[in-house]
């Protein structure tokens, strides 16, 4: 049976939980009509109320919440079963998430000229998950090659 270093899925689930909490907060703010409190940098209100904050009727924050939830479920399934295929499947999501993150950061920097600390927090979680997914794929490839 193939196995990964213990720190890898643990770090992944921590990053996914942080991202989930961040995106869930933004989702709640969206549906309650609130504006996230920005203390470190200004611009959360501009970013979260811009036309780019939704895709049709769906808030981008809700998509982020569902993205992180899918990762959490997949990682928990790995912990439960110790079947590496769960991590192999779930590690595809951060590739898509990172591509979308790059687009959203581009929008904040060059279109809106405004920054949202919560959005940057999610972008950080997403980027870390992308790097960890690459590590997962590298470990799996190496283990299969040695096997």
Protein backbone atom coordinates (compact mmCIF):
# COMPACT_ATOMS: atom_id res chain seq x y z
CA UNK A 1 0.00 0.00 0.00
CA UNK A 2 1.29 3.43 -0.92
CA UNK A 3 1.56 6.00 1.88
CA UNK A 4 2.49 9.65 2.20
CA UNK A 5 4.34 11.54 4.91
CA UNK A 6 1.88 12.32 7.73
CA UNK A 7 2.58 16.06 7.60
CA UNK A 8 1.25 16.33 4.05
CA UNK A 9 -2.47 15.52 4.50
CA UNK A 10 -2.44 17.23 7.91
CA UNK A 11 -1.13 20.45 6.38
CA UNK A 12 -3.64 20.12 3.56
CA UNK A 13 -6.61 19.80 5.89
CA UNK A 14 -5.45 22.74 8.02
CA UNK A 15 -5.13 24.94 4.91
CA UNK A 16 -8.53 23.75 3.67
CA UNK A 17 -10.17 24.46 7.05
CA UNK A 18 -8.69 27.97 7.14
CA UNK A 19 -9.86 28.59 3.57
CA UNK A 20 -13.30 27.20 4.39
CA UNK A 21 -13.70 29.47 7.42
CA UNK A 22 -12.60 32.49 5.39
CA UNK A 23 -14.87 31.76 2.42
CA UNK A 24 -17.80 30.84 4.68
CA UNK A 25 -17.47 34.20 6.47
CA UNK A 26 -17.56 36.03 3.13
CA UNK A 27 -20.55 33.95 2.05
CA UNK A 28 -22.46 34.81 5.22
CA UNK A 29 -21.61 38.50 4.75
CA UNK A 30 -22.87 38.33 1.17
CA UNK A 31 -26.21 36.76 2.06
CA UNK A 32 -26.81 38.98 5.09
CA UNK A 33 -25.95 42.12 3.14
CA UNK A 34 -23.03 42.88 5.43
CA UNK A 35 -19.63 44.20 4.52
CA UNK A 36 -16.55 42.40 5.82
CA UNK A 37 -14.60 44.43 8.33
CA UNK A 38 -11.25 45.43 6.85
CA UNK A 39 -8.75 46.72 9.37
CA UNK A 40 -5.36 45.96 7.85
CA UNK A 41 -6.07 47.12 4.30
CA UNK A 42 -8.98 48.98 2.78
CA UNK A 43 -11.08 47.81 -0.14
CA UNK A 44 -13.05 44.81 1.09
CA UNK A 45 -16.31 46.59 0.35
CA UNK A 46 -15.22 47.43 -3.19
CA UNK A 47 -14.11 43.87 -3.92
CA UNK A 48 -17.03 42.07 -2.28
CA UNK A 49 -19.69 44.26 -3.90
CA UNK A 50 -18.12 44.44 -7.35
CA UNK A 51 -19.72 42.76 -10.36
CA UNK A 52 -16.91 40.18 -10.11
CA UNK A 53 -18.07 39.04 -6.65
CA UNK A 54 -20.75 36.88 -8.24
CA UNK A 55 -21.06 34.58 -11.20
CA UNK A 56 -24.65 35.04 -12.18
CA UNK A 57 -26.59 34.74 -8.92
CA UNK A 58 -23.86 32.71 -7.18
CA UNK A 59 -21.37 34.51 -4.93
CA UNK A 60 -17.75 33.64 -5.63
CA UNK A 61 -17.37 33.20 -1.86
CA UNK A 62 -19.95 30.40 -1.94
CA UNK A 63 -18.00 28.67 -4.69
CA UNK A 64 -14.91 28.98 -2.49
CA UNK A 65 -16.78 27.52 0.47
CA UNK A 66 -17.88 24.53 -1.60
CA UNK A 67 -14.36 24.13 -3.02
CA UNK A 68 -12.79 23.99 0.43
CA UNK A 69 -15.57 21.71 1.71
CA UNK A 70 -14.91 19.25 -1.14
CA UNK A 71 -11.23 19.24 -0.21
CA UNK A 72 -12.01 18.67 3.47
CA UNK A 73 -14.34 15.76 2.65
CA UNK A 74 -11.74 14.16 0.38
CA UNK A 75 -8.95 14.55 2.93
CA UNK A 76 -11.13 13.17 5.74
CA UNK A 77 -11.96 10.21 3.48
CA UNK A 78 -8.22 9.67 3.06
CA UNK A 79 -7.69 9.80 6.85
CA UNK A 80 -10.56 7.36 7.34
CA UNK A 81 -9.53 4.84 4.68
CA UNK A 82 -5.79 5.49 4.29
CA UNK A 83 -6.46 4.96 0.59
CA UNK A 84 -4.07 7.24 -1.26
CA UNK A 85 -6.46 7.42 -4.21
CA UNK A 86 -8.60 9.87 -2.18
CA UNK A 87 -5.72 12.34 -1.99
CA UNK A 88 -4.82 11.70 -5.60
CA UNK A 89 -8.36 12.62 -6.65
CA UNK A 90 -8.74 15.57 -4.33
CA UNK A 91 -5.31 16.98 -5.29
CA UNK A 92 -6.71 17.86 -8.72
CA UNK A 93 -9.00 20.51 -7.20
CA UNK A 94 -6.24 22.89 -6.04
CA UNK A 95 -4.96 23.09 -9.61
CA UNK A 96 -8.30 24.49 -10.70
CA UNK A 97 -8.60 26.55 -7.52
CA UNK A 98 -5.19 28.11 -8.05
CA UNK A 99 -6.01 29.09 -11.63
CA UNK A 100 -9.21 30.79 -10.43
CA UNK A 101 -7.26 32.42 -7.58
CA UNK A 102 -4.82 33.95 -10.06
CA UNK A 103 -7.76 35.39 -12.00
CA UNK A 104 -9.33 36.86 -8.87
CA UNK A 105 -6.06 38.40 -7.67
CA UNK A 106 -5.58 39.87 -11.14
CA UNK A 107 -9.05 41.45 -10.88
CA UNK A 108 -8.26 42.96 -7.49
CA UNK A 109 -4.89 44.31 -8.61
CA UNK A 110 -5.56 45.54 -12.13
CA UNK A 111 -9.30 45.96 -12.61
CA UNK A 112 -10.69 46.97 -9.22
CA UNK A 113 -7.49 48.47 -7.80
CA UNK A 114 -8.77 47.38 -4.39
CA UNK A 115 -7.76 44.66 -1.98
CA UNK A 116 -9.77 42.44 0.31
CA UNK A 117 -7.80 40.89 3.16
CA UNK A 118 -10.21 37.95 3.34
CA UNK A 119 -9.88 37.33 -0.38
CA UNK A 120 -6.11 37.42 0.01
CA UNK A 121 -6.42 34.96 2.90
CA UNK A 122 -8.35 32.59 0.68
CA UNK A 123 -5.81 33.12 -2.10
CA UNK A 124 -3.05 32.19 0.33
CA UNK A 125 -4.87 29.01 1.38
CA UNK A 126 -5.54 28.15 -2.24
CA UNK A 127 -1.91 28.73 -3.22
CA UNK A 128 -0.65 26.60 -0.33
CA UNK A 129 -3.06 23.82 -1.32
CA UNK A 130 -1.81 24.04 -4.91
CA UNK A 131 1.81 23.60 -3.76
CA UNK A 132 0.81 20.73 -1.47
CA UNK A 133 -1.10 19.07 -4.32
CA UNK A 134 2.05 19.20 -6.44
CA UNK A 135 3.93 17.56 -3.57
CA UNK A 136 1.25 14.86 -3.35
CA UNK A 137 1.59 14.12 -7.06
CA UNK A 138 5.40 14.05 -6.81
CA UNK A 139 5.27 11.61 -3.88
CA UNK A 140 2.75 9.37 -5.60
CA UNK A 141 4.77 9.36 -8.81
CA UNK A 142 7.96 8.52 -6.93
CA UNK A 143 6.27 5.77 -4.88
CA UNK A 144 4.80 4.18 -7.99
CA UNK A 145 8.13 4.37 -9.78
CA UNK A 146 9.88 2.68 -6.84
CA UNK A 147 7.14 0.11 -6.53
